[in-house]
Protein backbone atom coordinates (compact mmCIF):
# COMPACT_ATOMS: atom_id res chain seq x y z
CA MET A 1 -21.28 25.68 2.72
CA ASP A 2 -22.87 28.76 4.27
CA THR A 3 -23.30 28.13 8.01
CA GLY A 4 -25.16 31.38 8.60
CA LEU A 5 -22.75 32.30 11.40
CA GLY A 6 -21.06 35.27 9.76
CA GLY A 7 -21.24 38.43 11.87
CA LYS A 8 -22.45 36.64 15.01
CA ILE A 9 -20.79 36.94 18.42
CA ALA A 10 -19.62 34.04 20.60
CA LEU A 11 -18.16 33.76 24.08
CA VAL A 12 -15.86 30.76 24.56
CA THR A 13 -14.54 29.86 28.01
CA GLY A 14 -11.19 28.13 28.16
CA GLY A 15 -10.76 29.44 24.64
CA GLY A 16 -7.06 30.14 24.86
CA SER A 17 -5.87 26.57 24.34
CA GLY A 18 -6.86 23.00 23.52
CA ILE A 19 -10.49 22.25 22.68
CA GLY A 20 -11.67 25.79 23.42
CA ARG A 21 -9.07 27.27 21.10
CA ALA A 22 -10.05 24.85 18.32
CA ILE A 23 -13.70 25.85 18.67
CA ALA A 24 -12.85 29.56 18.75
CA LEU A 25 -10.73 29.32 15.61
CA ALA A 26 -13.35 27.26 13.77
CA LEU A 27 -16.01 29.84 14.58
CA ALA A 28 -13.71 32.71 13.60
CA ALA A 29 -13.19 31.03 10.22
CA GLU A 30 -16.97 31.25 9.77
CA GLY A 31 -16.92 35.00 10.45
CA VAL A 32 -17.85 34.92 14.14
CA HIS A 33 -16.50 37.60 16.50
CA ILE A 34 -15.02 35.85 19.56
CA ALA A 35 -14.66 36.68 23.24
CA VAL A 36 -11.99 34.39 24.70
CA ALA A 37 -12.27 33.88 28.44
CA SER A 38 -9.66 32.09 30.54
CA ARG A 39 -7.35 32.86 33.43
CA ASN A 40 -4.69 34.18 31.07
CA PRO A 41 -5.77 34.09 27.41
CA ASP A 42 -2.84 33.57 25.07
CA PRO A 43 -2.35 36.71 22.93
CA LYS A 44 -1.29 34.41 20.09
CA THR A 45 -4.76 32.87 20.02
CA LEU A 46 -6.32 36.31 19.88
CA ARG A 47 -4.10 37.23 16.94
CA GLU A 48 -5.05 34.00 15.14
CA ILE A 49 -8.73 34.81 15.62
CA GLU A 50 -8.26 38.35 14.33
CA SER A 51 -6.33 37.05 11.31
CA ALA A 52 -9.65 35.57 10.13
CA GLY A 53 -10.93 39.13 9.78
CA VAL A 54 -13.10 39.18 12.90
CA ARG A 55 -12.87 40.92 16.25
CA ALA A 56 -11.46 39.23 19.35
CA LEU A 57 -11.99 40.21 22.98
CA ARG A 58 -9.60 39.03 25.71
CA LEU A 59 -11.24 38.32 29.08
CA CYS A 60 -9.04 37.30 32.01
CA THR A 61 -11.52 35.22 34.00
CA ASN A 62 -11.39 32.65 36.76
CA VAL A 63 -14.63 30.81 36.08
CA SER A 64 -14.63 29.22 39.55
CA LYS A 65 -15.62 32.67 40.89
CA GLU A 66 -19.29 33.57 40.39
CA GLU A 67 -18.77 37.32 40.23
CA GLN A 68 -16.12 36.93 37.51
CA VAL A 69 -18.42 34.71 35.43
CA THR A 70 -21.23 37.25 35.68
CA SER A 71 -18.84 40.03 34.66
CA MET A 72 -17.49 37.90 31.78
CA VAL A 73 -20.90 37.73 30.10
CA LYS A 74 -21.62 41.42 30.62
CA GLU A 75 -18.19 42.42 29.30
CA THR A 76 -18.73 40.37 26.17
CA ILE A 77 -22.04 42.07 25.42
CA ARG A 78 -20.54 45.49 26.12
CA GLY A 79 -17.23 44.89 24.36
CA LEU A 80 -18.47 43.17 21.20
CA GLY A 81 -21.93 44.67 21.02
CA GLY A 82 -24.00 41.61 21.76
CA LEU A 83 -23.98 37.83 22.24
CA ASP A 84 -25.41 35.09 20.04
CA MET A 85 -23.59 31.97 21.21
CA TYR A 86 -22.11 30.76 24.49
CA VAL A 87 -19.59 27.90 24.57
CA ASN A 88 -18.96 26.43 28.01
CA ASN A 89 -15.61 24.69 27.72
CA ALA A 90 -13.34 25.69 30.63
CA GLY A 91 -12.47 22.70 32.80
CA ALA A 92 -10.45 21.62 35.81
CA HIS A 93 -8.97 18.18 36.39
CA TRP A 94 -7.65 16.74 39.65
CA ASP A 95 -6.13 13.29 39.40
CA GLN A 96 -6.93 11.62 42.76
CA PRO A 97 -8.06 8.14 43.87
CA VAL A 98 -11.40 8.04 45.68
CA SER A 99 -9.84 7.45 49.09
CA LYS A 100 -7.75 10.59 48.75
CA VAL A 101 -10.10 13.14 47.19
CA THR A 102 -9.47 16.45 48.92
CA THR A 103 -12.07 19.09 49.65
CA GLU A 104 -10.04 21.57 47.62
CA ALA A 105 -10.07 19.28 44.59
CA TRP A 106 -13.78 18.52 44.87
CA VAL A 107 -14.90 22.13 45.35
CA ASN A 108 -12.60 23.55 42.68
CA THR A 109 -13.61 20.92 40.13
CA MET A 110 -17.32 21.38 40.79
CA HIS A 111 -17.12 25.17 40.62
CA THR A 112 -14.95 25.25 37.49
CA ASN A 113 -16.73 22.51 35.54
CA LEU A 114 -20.33 22.71 36.72
CA SER A 115 -21.14 25.83 38.75
CA ALA A 116 -19.46 28.11 36.21
CA CYS A 117 -21.76 26.74 33.51
CA VAL A 118 -24.83 27.38 35.66
CA TRP A 119 -23.74 30.94 36.41
CA ALA A 120 -22.80 31.77 32.82
CA CYS A 121 -25.91 30.21 31.27
CA ARG A 122 -28.07 32.07 33.79
CA GLU A 123 -26.65 35.39 32.58
CA ALA A 124 -26.43 34.49 28.88
CA SER A 125 -29.98 33.13 28.81
CA LYS A 126 -31.35 36.47 30.06
CA HIS A 127 -29.80 38.15 27.04
CA PHE A 128 -30.89 35.39 24.66
CA ILE A 129 -34.47 35.51 25.94
CA SER A 130 -34.62 39.27 25.46
CA GLN A 131 -33.51 38.99 21.83
CA GLY A 132 -35.52 35.84 21.05
CA ARG A 133 -32.59 33.73 19.87
CA GLY A 134 -29.31 32.17 20.97
CA SER A 135 -27.35 28.96 21.04
CA ILE A 136 -25.49 27.30 23.90
CA LEU A 137 -22.86 24.60 23.50
CA ILE A 138 -21.60 22.72 26.56
CA VAL A 139 -18.44 20.65 26.27
CA GLY A 140 -18.81 17.34 28.07
CA SER A 141 -16.61 14.27 28.44
CA THR A 142 -16.85 10.59 27.51
CA CYS A 143 -16.02 9.80 31.14
CA THR A 144 -19.77 10.23 31.74
CA HIS A 145 -20.36 7.09 29.66
CA ALA A 146 -17.87 4.92 31.52
CA PRO A 147 -15.99 5.44 34.81
CA LEU A 148 -12.28 6.16 34.69
CA TYR A 149 -9.83 5.62 37.51
CA ARG A 150 -8.93 8.63 39.70
CA GLU A 151 -11.66 10.77 38.10
CA ALA A 152 -14.39 10.91 40.76
CA ALA A 153 -14.73 14.69 40.96
CA TYR A 154 -14.23 15.22 37.24
CA ARG A 155 -16.76 12.58 36.22
CA ALA A 156 -19.36 13.80 38.73
CA SER A 157 -19.03 17.36 37.43
CA LYS A 158 -19.31 16.32 33.77
CA ALA A 159 -22.31 14.07 34.47
CA GLY A 160 -23.92 17.05 36.19
CA LEU A 161 -23.29 19.14 33.09
CA LYS A 162 -25.24 16.71 30.92
CA ALA A 163 -28.21 16.70 33.28
CA TYR A 164 -28.13 20.49 33.47
CA MET A 165 -27.87 20.78 29.66
CA GLU A 166 -31.09 18.81 29.24
CA VAL A 167 -32.99 21.05 31.68
CA LEU A 168 -31.67 24.14 29.89
CA ALA A 169 -32.79 22.73 26.55
CA VAL A 170 -36.41 22.16 27.58
CA GLU A 171 -36.76 25.44 29.47
CA LEU A 172 -35.19 27.64 26.80
CA ALA A 173 -36.75 25.97 23.73
CA PRO A 174 -39.95 28.07 23.89
CA PHE A 175 -37.77 31.15 23.43
CA GLY A 176 -36.09 29.80 20.30
CA ILE A 177 -32.84 29.07 22.14
CA ARG A 178 -31.03 25.81 21.42
CA VAL A 179 -28.77 23.98 23.90
CA ASN A 180 -26.54 21.04 22.98
CA MET A 181 -23.53 19.14 24.24
CA LEU A 182 -20.31 18.29 22.42
CA THR A 183 -18.58 15.34 24.07
CA PRO A 184 -14.94 14.74 23.09
CA GLY A 185 -13.02 11.57 23.75
CA TYR A 186 -9.25 11.45 23.96
CA PHE A 187 -7.66 14.58 22.50
CA PRO A 188 -4.06 15.55 23.35
CA THR A 189 -4.61 18.69 25.46
CA ARG A 190 -3.37 20.12 28.73
CA LEU A 191 -5.94 18.11 30.69
CA SER A 192 -4.81 14.84 29.11
CA ALA A 193 -1.08 15.60 29.15
CA HIS A 194 -0.52 13.02 31.89
CA LEU A 195 -1.47 10.29 29.40
CA ALA A 196 0.74 11.59 26.61
CA ARG A 197 3.71 11.58 28.99
CA ASP A 198 3.22 7.90 29.74
CA ARG A 199 3.43 5.99 26.47
CA GLU A 200 2.23 2.72 27.97
CA LYS A 201 -0.90 4.36 29.43
CA GLU A 202 -1.55 6.21 26.20
CA LYS A 203 -1.24 2.95 24.24
CA THR A 204 -3.75 1.35 26.60
CA VAL A 205 -6.18 4.19 25.91
CA LEU A 206 -5.65 4.04 22.15
CA ASP A 207 -6.25 0.28 22.21
CA THR A 208 -9.78 0.95 23.56
CA ILE A 209 -10.58 3.38 20.72
CA PRO A 210 -11.94 1.58 17.64
CA LEU A 211 -10.39 4.20 15.30
CA ARG A 212 -7.06 3.61 17.11
CA ARG A 213 -6.00 7.25 17.25
CA PRO A 214 -6.46 10.35 19.38
CA GLY A 215 -8.80 13.10 18.22
CA ARG A 216 -7.52 15.95 16.08
CA LEU A 217 -8.54 19.35 17.38
CA GLU A 218 -8.74 21.21 14.08
CA THR A 219 -10.53 18.58 12.01
CA ASP A 220 -12.58 16.65 14.58
CA ILE A 221 -13.70 19.23 17.16
CA GLY A 222 -14.02 22.53 15.31
CA PRO A 223 -16.43 21.35 12.58
CA ALA A 224 -18.60 19.52 15.14
CA ALA A 225 -18.94 22.71 17.20
CA VAL A 226 -19.79 24.76 14.13
CA PHE A 227 -22.51 22.27 13.23
CA LEU A 228 -24.17 22.36 16.64
CA LEU A 229 -23.99 26.16 16.96
CA SER A 230 -25.32 26.91 13.50
CA ASP A 231 -29.09 27.36 13.29
CA LYS A 232 -28.79 26.77 9.57
CA LEU A 233 -27.12 23.37 9.97
CA SER A 234 -28.80 22.06 13.15
CA GLY A 235 -31.82 24.27 13.67
CA TYR A 236 -34.00 21.34 14.74
CA THR A 237 -31.47 19.98 17.23
CA THR A 238 -31.62 20.78 20.93
CA GLY A 239 -30.91 18.77 24.08
CA ALA A 240 -28.65 16.51 22.02
CA GLU A 241 -25.21 15.12 22.75
CA LEU A 242 -22.75 14.72 19.89
CA VAL A 243 -20.01 12.29 20.90
CA VAL A 244 -16.71 12.74 19.07
CA ASP A 245 -14.50 10.00 20.48
CA GLY A 246 -13.46 7.59 17.73
CA GLY A 247 -15.89 5.03 19.13
CA PHE A 248 -14.38 4.98 22.64
CA SER A 249 -17.73 5.13 24.43
CA LEU A 250 -18.77 1.92 22.68
CA ARG A 251 -16.19 0.23 24.93
CA PRO A 252 -15.49 -2.83 22.76
CA PRO A 253 -13.66 -5.51 24.73
CA PRO A 254 -10.06 -5.88 23.46
CA TYR A 255 -10.41 -9.57 22.62
CA TYR A 256 -9.05 -9.20 19.11
CA THR A 257 -6.15 -7.38 17.50
CA ASP A 258 -6.71 -4.98 14.62
CA ASP A 259 -5.37 -7.60 12.19
CA GLU A 260 -7.79 -10.23 13.51
CA ILE A 261 -10.69 -7.78 13.22
CA ARG A 262 -9.75 -6.98 9.64
CA GLU A 263 -9.41 -10.67 8.78
CA MET A 264 -12.82 -11.63 10.15
CA ASN A 265 -14.45 -8.80 8.19
CA LEU A 266 -12.79 -9.32 4.86
CA PRO A 267 -14.80 -11.12 2.14
């Protein structure tokens, strides 16, 4: 299927690993030139992007710093010759109970997860408005649908992202610019490594997911991002949230085992 993305240019924050990397590689496979921004982008990821026959730009960026975010957008436009899509994915996670949330954790999480998006979208939208087109994808979290323990700062920042995404969508729509949110559930990444290390906790999480498995970066995240960023596939979609979580946000109570569920649903 032709997604219409070939030859376009995308900036992906946190694109060196995990969800950001999966999105970058999926876009590269569609012929998109990619700027990868993170504190220390993995050269291997850049080589994988280039192996798809597109250009890759490495941007060492600390998105919690406003001046670096502003520079990141300008360097993308200068280095790759333009910008058609912005993917806000970089995230910070501090695992602290509410009675012990530190100022450092709160400020760093808010700047990395929320402020960075505001700064980057401010700069990217100027360019998109001037060219009369553009697409923004903001990576959210299913923690906005249900509270998780020790996630006060993280959840507050991600909930803020959703509210900000909706304002962006209505303000930029008259310029032909679409803004959407991709909300992953449990995917084994650096931010969720603490769960993978504790098999009992991971089992508890998997038991709350109706599909009973973690997400797969290559097959579950990449195609969803391509869909939302492609004007050809989702040209009438803006201000929307696509939840990719195996049903986790439905929060079914674990009253029944998988076998009991199957038995009650069999003819």
